[in-house]
Every structure is written in C-alpha cells, then in structure tokens.
Amino acid sequence: MLNPVLKGVLVAAVAAASLAAVAQGLESSVAQARTPLSASDAAVSTGEVRKVDRESGTLTLRHGPLRNLGMPGMTMVFRVADRAWLTTLKEGDRVRFVADSVRGQLTVVRLDLQSR
C-alpha cells in the first residue's frame, strides 16, 4: 500500500499532466482556427449563416458538401471551436469553414468570413 503522501503526490502529478495535455490541445485548435483557409484544402466547405445562437454556442449553416465527413450539402446546426466567432457573424454572412467531429459533436473548427 502506498504512503498517503506519496499517493497524493502521484495523483497531483497525473492531474497536472492531464491539464497540460488539454491545454496543449486547445492551443493547437486555436492556432489552427487562425490559419487562413486554402482553396485547395479538401476539408473546406462554403456556407451561408442562417442563425447565430450565442447562448448555446451554435451556428446554423446552409452549406455545400462536407467531403471530409462524407456528408452532402444541407442546413444544419454546428458547435463552434471559438465562441468569439459568434459575436461577429450575422444571418446572411457567407463563410468558408472546416467542420469536424469533436468529442462526438459536429463542430466548426476553422472559419473565414467571405462576405456580408
């Protein structure tokens, strides 16, 4: 059986390592979200903002095919990787974006405003 102090130190070390991994993942997502979208990127889709829901952190887009997800064009609700995007978007805005499955939920992980 482990000494209670040693056990506490081990638990704290594991918790710190887990938090560092989560922070690194978030930092990587934010850096990726700031990268301009290339027209040659097969995961890039185009769409029109139909609704912005700041309270729930979601964005409704009428979009073209999501080739990286094997989905045809349609209108659907997405979570967003960065809620700050929701403060600048308005209904009718045209966007280029990349959506992916994040923790089992379709999420816009990169976004460029094209026109108003």
C-alpha atoms as a PDB file:
ATOM      1  CA  MET A   1       0.000   0.000   0.000  1.00  0.00           C
ATOM      2  CA  LEU A   2       1.269   3.489  -0.859  1.00  0.00           C
ATOM      3  CA  ASN A   3       2.112   6.054   1.732  1.00  0.00           C
ATOM      4  CA  PRO A   4      -0.749   8.636   1.773  1.00  0.00           C
ATOM      5  CA  VAL A   5       1.669  11.499   0.999  1.00  0.00           C
ATOM      6  CA  LEU A   6       3.194   9.619  -1.932  1.00  0.00           C
ATOM      7  CA  LYS A   7      -0.282   8.733  -3.169  1.00  0.00           C
ATOM      8  CA  GLY A   8      -1.286  12.437  -3.049  1.00  0.00           C
ATOM      9  CA  VAL A   9       1.856  13.441  -4.969  1.00  0.00           C
ATOM     10  CA  LEU A  10       1.136  10.841  -7.662  1.00  0.00           C
ATOM     11  CA  VAL A  11      -2.483  11.980  -8.020  1.00  0.00           C
ATOM     12  CA  ALA A  12      -1.364  15.621  -8.324  1.00  0.00           C
ATOM     13  CA  ALA A  13       1.249  14.708 -10.948  1.00  0.00           C
ATOM     14  CA  VAL A  14      -1.282  12.807 -13.051  1.00  0.00           C
ATOM     15  CA  ALA A  15      -3.783  15.683 -12.789  1.00  0.00           C
ATOM     16  CA  ALA A  16      -1.137  18.231 -13.828  1.00  0.00           C
ATOM     17  CA  ALA A  17      -0.098  16.125 -16.816  1.00  0.00           C
ATOM     18  CA  SER A  18      -3.739  15.761 -17.892  1.00  0.00           C
ATOM     19  CA  LEU A  19      -4.354  19.514 -17.651  1.00  0.00           C
ATOM     20  CA  ALA A  20      -1.198  20.220 -19.654  1.00  0.00           C
ATOM     21  CA  ALA A  21      -2.362  17.846 -22.415  1.00  0.00           C
ATOM     22  CA  VAL A  22      -5.797  19.500 -22.550  1.00  0.00           C
ATOM     23  CA  ALA A  23      -4.244  22.984 -22.669  1.00  0.00           C
ATOM     24  CA  GLN A  24      -1.906  21.931 -25.470  1.00  0.00           C
ATOM     25  CA  GLY A  25      -4.853  20.542 -27.455  1.00  0.00           C
ATOM     26  CA  LEU A  26      -6.819  23.774 -27.008  1.00  0.00           C
ATOM     27  CA  GLU A  27      -3.815  25.876 -28.005  1.00  0.00           C
ATOM     28  CA  SER A  28      -3.404  23.780 -31.139  1.00  0.00           C
ATOM     29  CA  SER A  29      -7.109  24.195 -32.016  1.00  0.00           C
ATOM     30  CA  VAL A  30      -6.937  27.971 -31.597  1.00  0.00           C
ATOM     31  CA  ALA A  31      -3.782  28.219 -33.719  1.00  0.00           C
ATOM     32  CA  GLN A  32      -5.409  26.087 -36.396  1.00  0.00           C
ATOM     33  CA  ALA A  33      -8.572  28.221 -36.282  1.00  0.00           C
ATOM     34  CA  ARG A  34      -6.492  31.339 -37.033  1.00  0.00           C
ATOM     35  CA  THR A  35      -4.836  29.769 -40.098  1.00  0.00           C
ATOM     36  CA  PRO A  36      -6.328  31.165 -43.335  1.00  0.00           C
ATOM     37  CA  LEU A  37      -8.289  28.559 -45.260  1.00  0.00           C
ATOM     38  CA  SER A  38      -6.749  27.433 -48.536  1.00  0.00           C
ATOM     39  CA  ALA A  39      -8.982  26.786 -51.554  1.00  0.00           C
ATOM     40  CA  SER A  40      -7.020  23.578 -52.150  1.00  0.00           C
ATOM     41  CA  ASP A  41      -7.887  22.179 -48.698  1.00  0.00           C
ATOM     42  CA  ALA A  42     -10.310  19.298 -49.379  1.00  0.00           C
ATOM     43  CA  ALA A  43     -11.949  19.752 -45.964  1.00  0.00           C
ATOM     44  CA  VAL A  44     -13.000  23.355 -46.697  1.00  0.00           C
ATOM     45  CA  SER A  45     -16.704  23.926 -47.328  1.00  0.00           C
ATOM     46  CA  THR A  46     -18.698  27.037 -48.133  1.00  0.00           C
ATOM     47  CA  GLY A  47     -21.891  28.092 -46.469  1.00  0.00           C
ATOM     48  CA  GLU A  48     -24.333  30.798 -45.518  1.00  0.00           C
ATOM     49  CA  VAL A  49     -25.103  31.699 -41.918  1.00  0.00           C
ATOM     50  CA  ARG A  50     -28.775  31.049 -41.206  1.00  0.00           C
ATOM     51  CA  LYS A  51     -28.743  31.544 -37.409  1.00  0.00           C
ATOM     52  CA  VAL A  52     -26.273  32.550 -34.705  1.00  0.00           C
ATOM     53  CA  ASP A  53     -27.098  31.282 -31.200  1.00  0.00           C
ATOM     54  CA  ARG A  54     -24.626  32.866 -28.797  1.00  0.00           C
ATOM     55  CA  GLU A  55     -26.336  31.390 -25.734  1.00  0.00           C
ATOM     56  CA  SER A  56     -25.956  27.776 -26.848  1.00  0.00           C
ATOM     57  CA  GLY A  57     -22.682  28.340 -28.707  1.00  0.00           C
ATOM     58  CA  THR A  58     -24.040  27.105 -32.023  1.00  0.00           C
ATOM     59  CA  LEU A  59     -24.192  28.232 -35.614  1.00  0.00           C
ATOM     60  CA  THR A  60     -26.753  27.134 -38.205  1.00  0.00           C
ATOM     61  CA  LEU A  61     -25.244  26.960 -41.684  1.00  0.00           C
ATOM     62  CA  ARG A  62     -26.679  26.171 -45.100  1.00  0.00           C
ATOM     63  CA  HIS A  63     -23.603  24.514 -46.592  1.00  0.00           C
ATOM     64  CA  GLY A  64     -22.189  22.607 -49.508  1.00  0.00           C
ATOM     65  CA  PRO A  65     -20.795  19.074 -49.209  1.00  0.00           C
ATOM     66  CA  LEU A  66     -18.617  18.267 -46.205  1.00  0.00           C
ATOM     67  CA  ARG A  67     -16.239  15.967 -48.088  1.00  0.00           C
ATOM     68  CA  ASN A  68     -14.084  15.195 -45.066  1.00  0.00           C
ATOM     69  CA  LEU A  69     -17.193  13.925 -43.243  1.00  0.00           C
ATOM     70  CA  GLY A  70     -18.864  12.276 -46.261  1.00  0.00           C
ATOM     71  CA  MET A  71     -21.966  14.480 -45.954  1.00  0.00           C
ATOM     72  CA  PRO A  72     -23.962  16.174 -48.721  1.00  0.00           C
ATOM     73  CA  GLY A  73     -24.916  19.835 -48.656  1.00  0.00           C
ATOM     74  CA  MET A  74     -27.769  20.719 -46.287  1.00  0.00           C
ATOM     75  CA  THR A  75     -28.727  23.106 -43.495  1.00  0.00           C
ATOM     76  CA  MET A  76     -27.604  22.053 -40.031  1.00  0.00           C
ATOM     77  CA  VAL A  77     -26.508  23.258 -36.606  1.00  0.00           C
ATOM     78  CA  PHE A  78     -22.842  23.139 -35.584  1.00  0.00           C
ATOM     79  CA  ARG A  79     -21.000  23.853 -32.388  1.00  0.00           C
ATOM     80  CA  VAL A  80     -18.077  26.252 -32.816  1.00  0.00           C
ATOM     81  CA  ALA A  81     -14.495  25.841 -31.635  1.00  0.00           C
ATOM     82  CA  ASP A  82     -14.305  29.526 -30.692  1.00  0.00           C
ATOM     83  CA  ARG A  83     -17.414  31.243 -29.286  1.00  0.00           C
ATOM     84  CA  ALA A  84     -15.881  34.633 -30.138  1.00  0.00           C
ATOM     85  CA  TRP A  85     -16.776  33.903 -33.785  1.00  0.00           C
ATOM     86  CA  LEU A  86     -20.437  34.152 -32.810  1.00  0.00           C
ATOM     87  CA  THR A  87     -20.036  37.808 -31.823  1.00  0.00           C
ATOM     88  CA  THR A  88     -19.024  38.842 -35.334  1.00  0.00           C
ATOM     89  CA  LEU A  89     -21.254  36.644 -37.510  1.00  0.00           C
ATOM     90  CA  LYS A  90     -24.721  37.651 -38.703  1.00  0.00           C
ATOM     91  CA  GLU A  91     -27.502  35.905 -40.589  1.00  0.00           C
ATOM     92  CA  GLY A  92     -26.756  36.004 -44.309  1.00  0.00           C
ATOM     93  CA  ASP A  93     -22.947  36.091 -43.950  1.00  0.00           C
ATOM     94  CA  ARG A  94     -21.105  33.849 -46.417  1.00  0.00           C
ATOM     95  CA  VAL A  95     -18.331  31.759 -44.880  1.00  0.00           C
ATOM     96  CA  ARG A  96     -15.689  29.199 -45.727  1.00  0.00           C
ATOM     97  CA  PHE A  97     -15.210  26.672 -42.951  1.00  0.00           C
ATOM     98  CA  VAL A  98     -13.927  23.307 -41.851  1.00  0.00           C
ATOM     99  CA  ALA A  99     -16.186  21.099 -39.755  1.00  0.00           C
ATOM    100  CA  ASP A 100     -15.084  18.030 -37.867  1.00  0.00           C
ATOM    101  CA  SER A 101     -16.362  15.694 -35.178  1.00  0.00           C
ATOM    102  CA  VAL A 102     -15.085  16.940 -31.813  1.00  0.00           C
ATOM    103  CA  ARG A 103     -15.978  14.784 -28.830  1.00  0.00           C
ATOM    104  CA  GLY A 104     -18.768  13.257 -30.926  1.00  0.00           C
ATOM    105  CA  GLN A 105     -20.323  16.596 -31.949  1.00  0.00           C
ATOM    106  CA  LEU A 106     -20.086  18.290 -35.331  1.00  0.00           C
ATOM    107  CA  THR A 107     -18.041  21.431 -34.770  1.00  0.00           C
ATOM    108  CA  VAL A 108     -16.795  24.251 -36.966  1.00  0.00           C
ATOM    109  CA  VAL A 109     -13.069  24.163 -36.199  1.00  0.00           C
ATOM    110  CA  ARG A 110     -11.907  26.783 -38.736  1.00  0.00           C
ATOM    111  CA  LEU A 111     -13.847  29.709 -40.145  1.00  0.00           C
ATOM    112  CA  ASP A 112     -13.324  32.596 -42.574  1.00  0.00           C
ATOM    113  CA  LEU A 113     -15.939  35.270 -43.233  1.00  0.00           C
ATOM    114  CA  GLN A 114     -16.240  35.736 -47.012  1.00  0.00           C
ATOM    115  CA  SER A 115     -18.883  38.442 -47.406  1.00  0.00           C
ATOM    116  CA  ARG A 116     -21.854  40.110 -45.822  1.00  0.00           C
END
